[in-house]
C-alpha atoms as a PDB file:
ATOM      1  CA  MET A   1      -0.135   0.189  -0.064  1.00  0.00           C
ATOM      2  CA  ASN A   2       2.709   2.244   0.903  1.00  0.00           C
ATOM      3  CA  ASN A   3       4.504   1.469  -2.437  1.00  0.00           C
ATOM      4  CA  LEU A   4       1.260   2.434  -4.154  1.00  0.00           C
ATOM      5  CA  LYS A   5       0.820   5.850  -2.367  1.00  0.00           C
ATOM      6  CA  THR A   6       4.497   6.632  -3.267  1.00  0.00           C
ATOM      7  CA  LEU A   7       4.082   5.745  -7.021  1.00  0.00           C
ATOM      8  CA  ILE A   8       0.920   7.812  -7.165  1.00  0.00           C
ATOM      9  CA  ALA A   9       2.699  10.526  -5.432  1.00  0.00           C
ATOM     10  CA  LEU A  10       5.515  10.370  -7.963  1.00  0.00           C
ATOM     11  CA  ILE A  11       3.071  10.379 -10.847  1.00  0.00           C
ATOM     12  CA  ILE A  12       1.281  13.322  -9.511  1.00  0.00           C
ATOM     13  CA  LEU A  13       4.576  15.325  -8.597  1.00  0.00           C
ATOM     14  CA  GLY A  14       5.852  14.454 -12.333  1.00  0.00           C
ATOM     15  CA  ALA A  15       2.381  15.558 -13.926  1.00  0.00           C
ATOM     16  CA  GLY A  16       2.777  18.718 -11.968  1.00  0.00           C
ATOM     17  CA  ILE A  17       6.230  19.252 -13.128  1.00  0.00           C
ATOM     18  CA  VAL A  18       5.287  18.819 -16.845  1.00  0.00           C
ATOM     19  CA  LEU A  19       2.401  20.996 -16.460  1.00  0.00           C
ATOM     20  CA  LEU A  20       4.202  23.785 -14.846  1.00  0.00           C
ATOM     21  CA  GLY A  21       6.954  23.696 -17.640  1.00  0.00           C
ATOM     22  CA  ALA A  22       4.129  23.760 -20.229  1.00  0.00           C
ATOM     23  CA  SER A  23       2.712  26.539 -18.491  1.00  0.00           C
ATOM     24  CA  VAL A  24       5.770  28.853 -18.457  1.00  0.00           C
ATOM     25  CA  TYR A  25       8.136  30.163 -20.787  1.00  0.00           C
ATOM     26  CA  THR A  26      10.916  32.975 -20.956  1.00  0.00           C
ATOM     27  CA  VAL A  27      11.573  35.886 -22.938  1.00  0.00           C
ATOM     28  CA  LYS A  28      15.071  37.057 -23.277  1.00  0.00           C
ATOM     29  CA  GLU A  29      15.939  40.610 -23.411  1.00  0.00           C
ATOM     30  CA  THR A  30      16.730  40.329 -27.266  1.00  0.00           C
ATOM     31  CA  GLU A  31      13.459  38.618 -27.905  1.00  0.00           C
ATOM     32  CA  GLN A  32       9.803  39.374 -28.214  1.00  0.00           C
ATOM     33  CA  ALA A  33       7.253  36.392 -28.076  1.00  0.00           C
ATOM     34  CA  LEU A  34       3.908  35.764 -29.500  1.00  0.00           C
ATOM     35  CA  VAL A  35       1.387  33.168 -27.565  1.00  0.00           C
ATOM     36  CA  VAL A  36      -0.767  31.649 -30.252  1.00  0.00           C
ATOM     37  CA  GLN A  37      -3.725  29.197 -29.298  1.00  0.00           C
ATOM     38  CA  LEU A  38      -4.605  26.853 -32.205  1.00  0.00           C
ATOM     39  CA  GLY A  39      -2.917  29.218 -34.730  1.00  0.00           C
ATOM     40  CA  LYS A  40      -4.868  31.982 -33.498  1.00  0.00           C
ATOM     41  CA  TRP A  41      -3.125  35.520 -31.800  1.00  0.00           C
ATOM     42  CA  VAL A  42      -3.606  35.384 -28.113  1.00  0.00           C
ATOM     43  CA  LYS A  43      -1.055  38.110 -26.932  1.00  0.00           C
ATOM     44  CA  THR A  44       2.399  39.725 -27.490  1.00  0.00           C
ATOM     45  CA  GLU A  45       4.896  39.578 -25.084  1.00  0.00           C
ATOM     46  CA  LYS A  46       7.898  42.022 -25.450  1.00  0.00           C
ATOM     47  CA  ASN A  47       8.986  42.255 -21.684  1.00  0.00           C
ATOM     48  CA  ALA A  48      11.793  40.016 -20.843  1.00  0.00           C
ATOM     49  CA  GLY A  49      11.309  37.623 -17.862  1.00  0.00           C
ATOM     50  CA  LEU A  50       9.450  34.680 -17.070  1.00  0.00           C
ATOM     51  CA  HIS A  51       5.575  34.319 -18.205  1.00  0.00           C
ATOM     52  CA  PHE A  52       2.799  31.996 -18.098  1.00  0.00           C
ATOM     53  CA  LYS A  53       0.511  30.667 -20.759  1.00  0.00           C
ATOM     54  CA  LYS A  54      -2.154  27.902 -20.625  1.00  0.00           C
ATOM     55  CA  PRO A  55      -0.454  24.559 -20.853  1.00  0.00           C
ATOM     56  CA  PHE A  56      -0.778  22.221 -24.163  1.00  0.00           C
ATOM     57  CA  VAL A  57      -3.253  24.571 -25.916  1.00  0.00           C
ATOM     58  CA  GLN A  58      -1.226  27.647 -26.335  1.00  0.00           C
ATOM     59  CA  ASP A  59       2.248  28.034 -28.161  1.00  0.00           C
ATOM     60  CA  VAL A  60       4.919  30.644 -28.290  1.00  0.00           C
ATOM     61  CA  VAL A  61       6.406  32.143 -31.269  1.00  0.00           C
ATOM     62  CA  TYR A  62       9.420  33.677 -30.916  1.00  0.00           C
ATOM     63  CA  PHE A  63      11.207  36.798 -32.825  1.00  0.00           C
ATOM     64  CA  GLU A  64      14.614  38.808 -32.390  1.00  0.00           C
ATOM     65  CA  LYS A  65      14.486  42.193 -31.309  1.00  0.00           C
ATOM     66  CA  ARG A  66      18.142  42.926 -32.484  1.00  0.00           C
ATOM     67  CA  ILE A  67      18.884  44.224 -36.102  1.00  0.00           C
ATOM     68  CA  LEU A  68      19.357  41.199 -38.485  1.00  0.00           C
ATOM     69  CA  LEU A  69      21.231  41.199 -41.506  1.00  0.00           C
ATOM     70  CA  LEU A  70      19.992  39.620 -44.837  1.00  0.00           C
ATOM     71  CA  ASP A  71      22.767  38.884 -47.385  1.00  0.00           C
ATOM     72  CA  THR A  72      20.972  38.492 -50.646  1.00  0.00           C
ATOM     73  CA  PRO A  73      22.523  36.444 -53.535  1.00  0.00           C
ATOM     74  CA  GLU A  74      23.986  38.427 -56.517  1.00  0.00           C
ATOM     75  CA  LEU A  75      21.702  39.736 -58.928  1.00  0.00           C
ATOM     76  CA  ILE A  76      22.138  40.301 -62.353  1.00  0.00           C
ATOM     77  CA  VAL A  77      20.207  43.365 -63.567  1.00  0.00           C
ATOM     78  CA  ILE A  78      19.735  44.814 -67.091  1.00  0.00           C
ATOM     79  CA  THR A  79      20.221  48.561 -67.337  1.00  0.00           C
ATOM     80  CA  LYS A  80      18.427  51.415 -69.057  1.00  0.00           C
ATOM     81  CA  ASP A  81      20.498  50.926 -72.106  1.00  0.00           C
ATOM     82  CA  GLN A  82      20.216  46.967 -72.198  1.00  0.00           C
ATOM     83  CA  LYS A  83      23.882  46.452 -70.336  1.00  0.00           C
ATOM     84  CA  ARG A  84      23.964  43.577 -67.900  1.00  0.00           C
ATOM     85  CA  ILE A  85      25.594  44.084 -64.362  1.00  0.00           C
ATOM     86  CA  ILE A  86      26.011  42.231 -61.082  1.00  0.00           C
ATOM     87  CA  VAL A  87      24.523  44.013 -58.323  1.00  0.00           C
ATOM     88  CA  ASP A  88      25.524  42.444 -54.539  1.00  0.00           C
ATOM     89  CA  ALA A  89      23.641  43.858 -51.636  1.00  0.00           C
ATOM     90  CA  PHE A  90      22.451  43.250 -48.133  1.00  0.00           C
ATOM     91  CA  THR A  91      19.931  44.482 -45.675  1.00  0.00           C
ATOM     92  CA  GLU A  92      19.680  45.555 -42.227  1.00  0.00           C
ATOM     93  CA  PHE A  93      16.258  45.106 -40.740  1.00  0.00           C
ATOM     94  CA  ARG A  94      14.456  44.372 -37.764  1.00  0.00           C
ATOM     95  CA  ILE A  95      10.952  42.837 -36.756  1.00  0.00           C
ATOM     96  CA  ASN A  96       8.932  45.769 -35.504  1.00  0.00           C
ATOM     97  CA  ASP A  97       5.503  43.987 -35.175  1.00  0.00           C
ATOM     98  CA  PRO A  98       5.839  40.415 -34.840  1.00  0.00           C
ATOM     99  CA  LEU A  99       2.023  39.954 -35.044  1.00  0.00           C
ATOM    100  CA  ILE A 100       1.938  41.168 -38.555  1.00  0.00           C
ATOM    101  CA  VAL A 101       5.146  39.074 -39.512  1.00  0.00           C
ATOM    102  CA  TYR A 102       3.525  36.042 -38.122  1.00  0.00           C
ATOM    103  CA  GLN A 103       0.129  36.519 -39.813  1.00  0.00           C
ATOM    104  CA  ALA A 104       1.779  37.336 -43.087  1.00  0.00           C
ATOM    105  CA  VAL A 105       4.548  34.991 -43.200  1.00  0.00           C
ATOM    106  CA  ARG A 106       4.574  32.955 -39.977  1.00  0.00           C
ATOM    107  CA  ASP A 107       8.352  33.321 -38.860  1.00  0.00           C
ATOM    108  CA  VAL A 108      11.632  35.056 -39.597  1.00  0.00           C
ATOM    109  CA  ALA A 109      12.598  32.780 -42.379  1.00  0.00           C
ATOM    110  CA  GLY A 110       9.417  33.649 -44.055  1.00  0.00           C
ATOM    111  CA  ALA A 111      10.035  37.465 -43.375  1.00  0.00           C
ATOM    112  CA  GLU A 112      13.623  37.020 -44.954  1.00  0.00           C
ATOM    113  CA  SER A 113      12.157  35.344 -47.943  1.00  0.00           C
ATOM    114  CA  ARG A 114       9.480  37.982 -48.590  1.00  0.00           C
ATOM    115  CA  LEU A 115      12.035  40.911 -47.661  1.00  0.00           C
ATOM    116  CA  SER A 116      14.525  39.207 -50.228  1.00  0.00           C
ATOM    117  CA  THR A 117      11.901  39.277 -52.868  1.00  0.00           C
ATOM    118  CA  THR A 118      10.872  42.876 -52.232  1.00  0.00           C
ATOM    119  CA  ILE A 119      14.793  43.903 -52.255  1.00  0.00           C
ATOM    120  CA  ASN A 120      15.477  42.153 -55.709  1.00  0.00           C
ATOM    121  CA  SER A 121      12.390  43.912 -57.298  1.00  0.00           C
ATOM    122  CA  ASN A 122      13.393  47.168 -56.145  1.00  0.00           C
ATOM    123  CA  LEU A 123      17.034  46.627 -57.019  1.00  0.00           C
ATOM    124  CA  ARG A 124      16.141  45.754 -60.641  1.00  0.00           C
ATOM    125  CA  LYS A 125      13.803  48.626 -60.943  1.00  0.00           C
ATOM    126  CA  VAL A 126      16.231  51.450 -59.505  1.00  0.00           C
ATOM    127  CA  PHE A 127      18.999  50.124 -61.730  1.00  0.00           C
ATOM    128  CA  GLY A 128      16.914  49.233 -64.759  1.00  0.00           C
ATOM    129  CA  GLN A 129      16.094  52.883 -64.883  1.00  0.00           C
ATOM    130  CA  GLN A 130      19.905  53.958 -65.101  1.00  0.00           C
ATOM    131  CA  GLU A 131      22.351  54.237 -67.832  1.00  0.00           C
ATOM    132  CA  PHE A 132      25.434  51.520 -67.858  1.00  0.00           C
ATOM    133  CA  LYS A 133      27.910  54.252 -66.988  1.00  0.00           C
ATOM    134  CA  TYR A 134      25.875  55.789 -64.233  1.00  0.00           C
ATOM    135  CA  ALA A 135      25.029  52.503 -62.592  1.00  0.00           C
ATOM    136  CA  LEU A 136      28.727  51.547 -62.232  1.00  0.00           C
ATOM    137  CA  SER A 137      29.652  55.192 -61.245  1.00  0.00           C
ATOM    138  CA  GLY A 138      30.335  56.322 -57.720  1.00  0.00           C
ATOM    139  CA  ALA A 139      26.719  57.300 -57.270  1.00  0.00           C
ATOM    140  CA  ARG A 140      25.716  54.433 -54.932  1.00  0.00           C
ATOM    141  CA  ALA A 141      24.565  56.885 -52.242  1.00  0.00           C
ATOM    142  CA  GLU A 142      21.693  58.370 -54.283  1.00  0.00           C
ATOM    143  CA  LEU A 143      20.806  54.719 -55.631  1.00  0.00           C
ATOM    144  CA  ARG A 144      20.933  53.051 -52.217  1.00  0.00           C
ATOM    145  CA  GLY A 145      18.803  55.850 -50.777  1.00  0.00           C
ATOM    146  CA  GLU A 146      16.186  55.342 -53.210  1.00  0.00           C
ATOM    147  CA  ILE A 147      16.247  51.557 -53.171  1.00  0.00           C
ATOM    148  CA  THR A 148      16.056  51.697 -49.329  1.00  0.00           C
ATOM    149  CA  ASN A 149      13.061  53.982 -49.188  1.00  0.00           C
ATOM    150  CA  SER A 150      11.176  51.872 -51.866  1.00  0.00           C
ATOM    151  CA  VAL A 151      11.792  48.770 -49.743  1.00  0.00           C
ATOM    152  CA  LYS A 152      11.030  50.373 -46.470  1.00  0.00           C
ATOM    153  CA  GLU A 153       7.357  51.094 -47.591  1.00  0.00           C
ATOM    154  CA  GLU A 154       6.829  47.626 -48.646  1.00  0.00           C
ATOM    155  CA  ALA A 155       8.419  45.984 -45.808  1.00  0.00           C
ATOM    156  CA  ALA A 156       6.170  48.195 -43.268  1.00  0.00           C
ATOM    157  CA  ALA A 157       3.251  46.303 -44.496  1.00  0.00           C
ATOM    158  CA  LEU A 158       4.945  43.017 -43.192  1.00  0.00           C
ATOM    159  CA  GLY A 159       5.596  44.421 -39.829  1.00  0.00           C
ATOM    160  CA  ILE A 160       9.292  44.781 -40.784  1.00  0.00           C
ATOM    161  CA  GLU A 161      11.399  47.906 -40.353  1.00  0.00           C
ATOM    162  CA  VAL A 162      14.232  48.202 -42.927  1.00  0.00           C
ATOM    163  CA  VAL A 163      16.998  50.079 -41.374  1.00  0.00           C
ATOM    164  CA  ASP A 164      19.141  50.267 -44.434  1.00  0.00           C
ATOM    165  CA  VAL A 165      19.877  48.672 -47.975  1.00  0.00           C
ATOM    166  CA  ARG A 166      23.748  48.676 -48.578  1.00  0.00           C
ATOM    167  CA  ILE A 167      25.246  48.015 -51.789  1.00  0.00           C
ATOM    168  CA  LYS A 168      28.362  46.024 -51.627  1.00  0.00           C
ATOM    169  CA  ARG A 169      29.383  45.548 -55.339  1.00  0.00           C
ATOM    170  CA  THR A 170      28.217  46.776 -58.722  1.00  0.00           C
ATOM    171  CA  ASP A 171      30.244  44.716 -61.552  1.00  0.00           C
ATOM    172  CA  LEU A 172      30.455  43.379 -65.054  1.00  0.00           C
ATOM    173  CA  PRO A 173      29.535  39.642 -65.906  1.00  0.00           C
ATOM    174  CA  ALA A 174      32.441  37.599 -66.478  1.00  0.00           C
ATOM    175  CA  GLU A 175      31.621  37.409 -70.310  1.00  0.00           C
ATOM    176  CA  ASN A 176      31.136  41.286 -70.424  1.00  0.00           C
ATOM    177  CA  SER A 177      34.273  42.024 -68.770  1.00  0.00           C
ATOM    178  CA  LYS A 178      36.722  41.519 -71.323  1.00  0.00           C
ATOM    179  CA  PRO A 179      35.204  43.391 -74.390  1.00  0.00           C
ATOM    180  CA  ILE A 180      34.330  46.206 -72.010  1.00  0.00           C
ATOM    181  CA  PHE A 181      37.809  46.423 -70.361  1.00  0.00           C
ATOM    182  CA  ASP A 182      39.212  46.066 -73.960  1.00  0.00           C
ATOM    183  CA  SER A 183      37.311  49.074 -75.097  1.00  0.00           C
ATOM    184  CA  MET A 184      38.315  51.026 -72.064  1.00  0.00           C
ATOM    185  CA  ILE A 185      41.991  50.098 -72.730  1.00  0.00           C
ATOM    186  CA  ALA A 186      41.508  51.318 -76.242  1.00  0.00           C
ATOM    187  CA  GLU A 187      40.016  54.630 -74.884  1.00  0.00           C
ATOM    188  CA  ARG A 188      42.975  55.302 -72.586  1.00  0.00           C
ATOM    189  CA  GLU A 189      45.314  54.449 -75.164  1.00  0.00           C
ATOM    190  CA  GLN A 190      44.003  57.020 -77.677  1.00  0.00           C
ATOM    191  CA  VAL A 191      44.055  59.427 -74.996  1.00  0.00           C
ATOM    192  CA  ALA A 192      47.486  58.622 -73.953  1.00  0.00           C
ATOM    193  CA  ARG A 193      48.653  58.917 -77.785  1.00  0.00           C
ATOM    194  CA  GLU A 194      46.934  62.307 -78.221  1.00  0.00           C
ATOM    195  CA  ILE A 195      48.348  63.602 -74.845  1.00  0.00           C
ATOM    196  CA  ARG A 196      51.652  62.368 -76.008  1.00  0.00           C
ATOM    197  CA  ALA A 197      51.468  63.953 -79.500  1.00  0.00           C
ATOM    198  CA  ARG A 198      50.513  67.507 -77.740  1.00  0.00           C
ATOM    199  CA  GLY A 199      53.662  66.894 -75.519  1.00  0.00           C
ATOM    200  CA  GLU A 200      55.779  66.202 -78.528  1.00  0.00           C
ATOM    201  CA  GLU A 201      54.517  69.043 -80.397  1.00  0.00           C
ATOM    202  CA  MET A 202      55.206  71.253 -77.499  1.00  0.00           C
ATOM    203  CA  ALA A 203      58.615  69.864 -76.963  1.00  0.00           C
ATOM    204  CA  ILE A 204      59.210  70.917 -80.679  1.00  0.00           C
ATOM    205  CA  ARG A 205      58.359  74.409 -80.004  1.00  0.00           C
ATOM    206  CA  ILE A 206      59.977  74.868 -77.033  1.00  0.00           C
ATOM    207  CA  LYS A 207      63.441  73.289 -78.513  1.00  0.00           C
ATOM    208  CA  SER A 208      62.755  75.346 -81.540  1.00  0.00           C
ATOM    209  CA  LYS A 209      62.275  78.796 -79.439  1.00  0.00           C
ATOM    210  CA  ALA A 210      65.666  77.632 -77.237  1.00  0.00           C
ATOM    211  CA  GLU A 211      67.693  76.951 -80.713  1.00  0.00           C
ATOM    212  CA  ARG A 212      66.280  80.505 -81.797  1.00  0.00           C
ATOM    213  CA  ASP A 213      66.919  82.349 -78.483  1.00  0.00           C
ATOM    214  CA  LYS A 214      70.526  80.426 -78.422  1.00  0.00           C
ATOM    215  CA  THR A 215      71.388  81.821 -81.912  1.00  0.00           C
ATOM    216  CA  VAL A 216      70.281  85.312 -81.059  1.00  0.00           C
ATOM    217  CA  LEU A 217      72.341  85.088 -77.678  1.00  0.00           C
ATOM    218  CA  LEU A 218      75.268  83.960 -79.577  1.00  0.00           C
ATOM    219  CA  ALA A 219      75.040  86.594 -82.127  1.00  0.00           C
ATOM    220  CA  GLU A 220      74.632  89.300 -79.555  1.00  0.00           C
ATOM    221  CA  ALA A 221      77.628  88.039 -77.700  1.00  0.00           C
ATOM    222  CA  GLU A 222      79.847  87.584 -80.878  1.00  0.00           C
ATOM    223  CA  ARG A 223      78.936  91.130 -81.756  1.00  0.00           C
ATOM    224  CA  GLU A 224      79.772  92.502 -78.351  1.00  0.00           C
ATOM    225  CA  ALA A 225      82.758  90.486 -78.382  1.00  0.00           C
ATOM    226  CA  GLN A 226      83.622  92.078 -81.439  1.00  0.00           C
ATOM    227  CA  LYS A 227      82.803  95.410 -80.550  1.00  0.00           C
ATOM    228  CA  LEU A 228      85.098  94.893 -77.185  1.00  0.00           C
ATOM    229  CA  ARG A 229      87.892  93.214 -79.111  1.00  0.00           C
ATOM    230  CA  GLY A 230      87.838  96.431 -81.649  1.00  0.00           C
ATOM    231  CA  GLU A 231      87.910  98.772 -78.576  1.00  0.00           C
ATOM    232  CA  GLY A 232      90.708  96.696 -76.789  1.00  0.00           C
ATOM    233  CA  ASP A 233      92.609  96.710 -80.163  1.00  0.00           C
ATOM    234  CA  ALA A 234      91.961 100.534 -80.612  1.00  0.00           C
ATOM    235  CA  GLN A 235      93.176 101.153 -77.205  1.00  0.00           C
ATOM    236  CA  ALA A 236      96.044  98.798 -77.507  1.00  0.00           C
ATOM    237  CA  SER A 237      97.148 100.784 -80.927  1.00  0.00           C
ATOM    238  CA  LYS A 238      96.678 103.986 -79.161  1.00  0.00           C
ATOM    239  CA  ILE A 239      98.913 102.773 -76.260  1.00  0.00           C
ATOM    240  CA  PHE A 240     101.404 101.753 -78.695  1.00  0.00           C
ATOM    241  CA  ALA A 241     101.194 104.964 -80.437  1.00  0.00           C
ATOM    242  CA  ASP A 242     101.682 106.939 -77.351  1.00  0.00           C
ATOM    243  CA  ALA A 243     104.397 104.715 -76.323  1.00  0.00           C
ATOM    244  CA  TYR A 244     106.152 105.110 -79.832  1.00  0.00           C
ATOM    245  CA  ASN A 245     105.839 109.038 -79.467  1.00  0.00           C
ATOM    246  CA  LEU A 246     107.198 108.893 -76.029  1.00  0.00           C
ATOM    247  CA  ASP A 247     110.452 106.997 -76.972  1.00  0.00           C
ATOM    248  CA  PRO A 248     110.561 105.812 -80.639  1.00  0.00           C
ATOM    249  CA  GLU A 249     113.870 104.104 -80.303  1.00  0.00           C
ATOM    250  CA  PHE A 250     112.750 101.954 -77.193  1.00  0.00           C
ATOM    251  CA  TYR A 251     109.532 101.156 -79.020  1.00  0.00           C
ATOM    252  CA  GLY A 252     111.361 100.044 -82.009  1.00  0.00           C
ATOM    253  CA  PHE A 253     113.440  97.854 -79.929  1.00  0.00           C
ATOM    254  CA  TYR A 254     110.704  96.260 -78.021  1.00  0.00           C
ATOM    255  CA  ARG A 255     108.913  95.326 -81.326  1.00  0.00           C
ATOM    256  CA  SER A 256     112.117  93.726 -82.567  1.00  0.00           C
ATOM    257  CA  MET A 257     112.418  91.760 -79.265  1.00  0.00           C
ATOM    258  CA  ILE A 258     108.711  90.313 -79.976  1.00  0.00           C
ATOM    259  CA  ALA A 259     109.440  89.648 -83.401  1.00  0.00           C
ATOM    260  CA  TYR A 260     112.503  87.610 -82.602  1.00  0.00           C
ATOM    261  CA  ASN A 261     110.421  85.848 -79.757  1.00  0.00           C
ATOM    262  CA  GLU A 262     107.820  84.900 -82.370  1.00  0.00           C
ATOM    263  CA  ALA A 263     110.517  83.853 -85.310  1.00  0.00           C
ATOM    264  CA  PHE A 264     112.878  81.799 -83.166  1.00  0.00           C
ATOM    265  CA  LYS A 265     110.180  80.089 -80.886  1.00  0.00           C
ATOM    266  CA  ASP A 266     110.481  76.869 -82.874  1.00  0.00           C
ATOM    267  CA  SER A 267     114.214  75.784 -82.728  1.00  0.00           C
ATOM    268  CA  ASN A 268     114.193  73.712 -85.961  1.00  0.00           C
ATOM    269  CA  THR A 269     113.138  76.895 -87.794  1.00  0.00           C
ATOM    270  CA  THR A 270     115.621  77.898 -90.704  1.00  0.00           C
ATOM    271  CA  MET A 271     115.627  81.266 -92.115  1.00  0.00           C
ATOM    272  CA  VAL A 272     117.635  82.777 -94.924  1.00  0.00           C
ATOM    273  CA  LEU A 273     117.954  86.533 -94.436  1.00  0.00           C
ATOM    274  CA  SER A 274     120.658  89.076 -95.054  1.00  0.00           C
ATOM    275  CA  PRO A 275     122.583  89.799 -91.664  1.00  0.00           C
ATOM    276  CA  ASN A 276     122.854  93.400 -92.349  1.00  0.00           C
ATOM    277  CA  GLY A 277     118.932  94.040 -92.912  1.00  0.00           C
ATOM    278  CA  ASP A 278     116.824  95.748 -90.622  1.00  0.00           C
ATOM    279  CA  PHE A 279     115.417  92.740 -88.979  1.00  0.00           C
ATOM    280  CA  PHE A 280     118.714  91.844 -87.272  1.00  0.00           C
ATOM    281  CA  LYS A 281     119.917  95.550 -86.221  1.00  0.00           C
ATOM    282  CA  TYR A 282     119.342  94.995 -82.721  1.00  0.00           C
ATOM    283  CA  PHE A 283     121.413  91.814 -82.678  1.00  0.00           C
ATOM    284  CA  GLY A 284     124.957  93.671 -82.629  1.00  0.00           C
ATOM    285  CA  ASP A 285     123.898  96.818 -80.862  1.00  0.00           C
ATOM    286  CA  MET A 286     121.121  97.565 -78.353  1.00  0.00           C
ATOM    287  CA  LYS A 287     120.478 101.064 -80.134  1.00  0.00           C
ATOM    288  CA  GLY A 288     119.881  99.380 -83.487  1.00  0.00           C
ATOM    289  CA  LYS A 289     123.524 100.418 -85.085  1.00  0.00           C
ATOM    290  CA  ILE A 290     124.578  98.080 -88.027  1.00  0.00           C
ATOM    291  CA  ASP A 291     128.232  97.162 -88.065  1.00  0.00           C
ATOM    292  CA  PRO A 292     129.876  98.576 -90.948  1.00  0.00           C
ATOM    293  CA  LYS A 293     131.606  95.183 -91.388  1.00  0.00           C
ATOM    294  CA  MET A 294     128.719  93.531 -91.899  1.00  0.00           C
ATOM    295  CA  LYS A 295     127.646  95.664 -94.808  1.00  0.00           C
END
């Protein structure tokens, strides 16, 4: 009998524990919860802590409060001028109204799936309205803002708050990259050739001007040199003339010494001259008197 009572007590205790476990649920600081009964909403619980529900007939569906990240797959978009580009984007969002999300898509996975469809649709729409060059340019801020605003409006109807849509990359598909890059290279090479040609033309003009300036400067320098040389020769002639007028005899002697120095500078020089000529008159006498015996 005692064993039976003990067994019944254990069964009741176990049933009570099971009943209590089925009656309580915990909501974390980062969570919010919906209590549903047979698929119908009962209440929304956003406060963290321990809460109670009807056991076995009511269920709890949890949703995150934190900002979630949705990284959508790369998308091929056709631009306004019928060019194909790859757009890679990701979205930051949070569950703003879990009840609407539950009624529309049931859970976070369903929300991400619906949001991904919305994002892709808006990416195609916005980039499809742009020219190819503009879509690949640095105007991401404007495009991102337009996409974010469009996605926000549609996501709000699902109880989702879209924080931001960010574009990670806009690029060309692999099959289109080579011809585009080849075209860009050809354009850059053409620009380089034009710049190089202008540079060579400018270099020729600069060199021509430099040569012309050089010729002018040399001519002016030569003219100045000739002028100075003439002035120097004139001054030298005047000095010699003045010296001659002061002492003709010494001047004659001095000029003869210079002539001897120039004439006999080379030791191999042979001269055939009359010894009694005027050229040798200072050989025998510093006063230039010729020896009568040599006549």
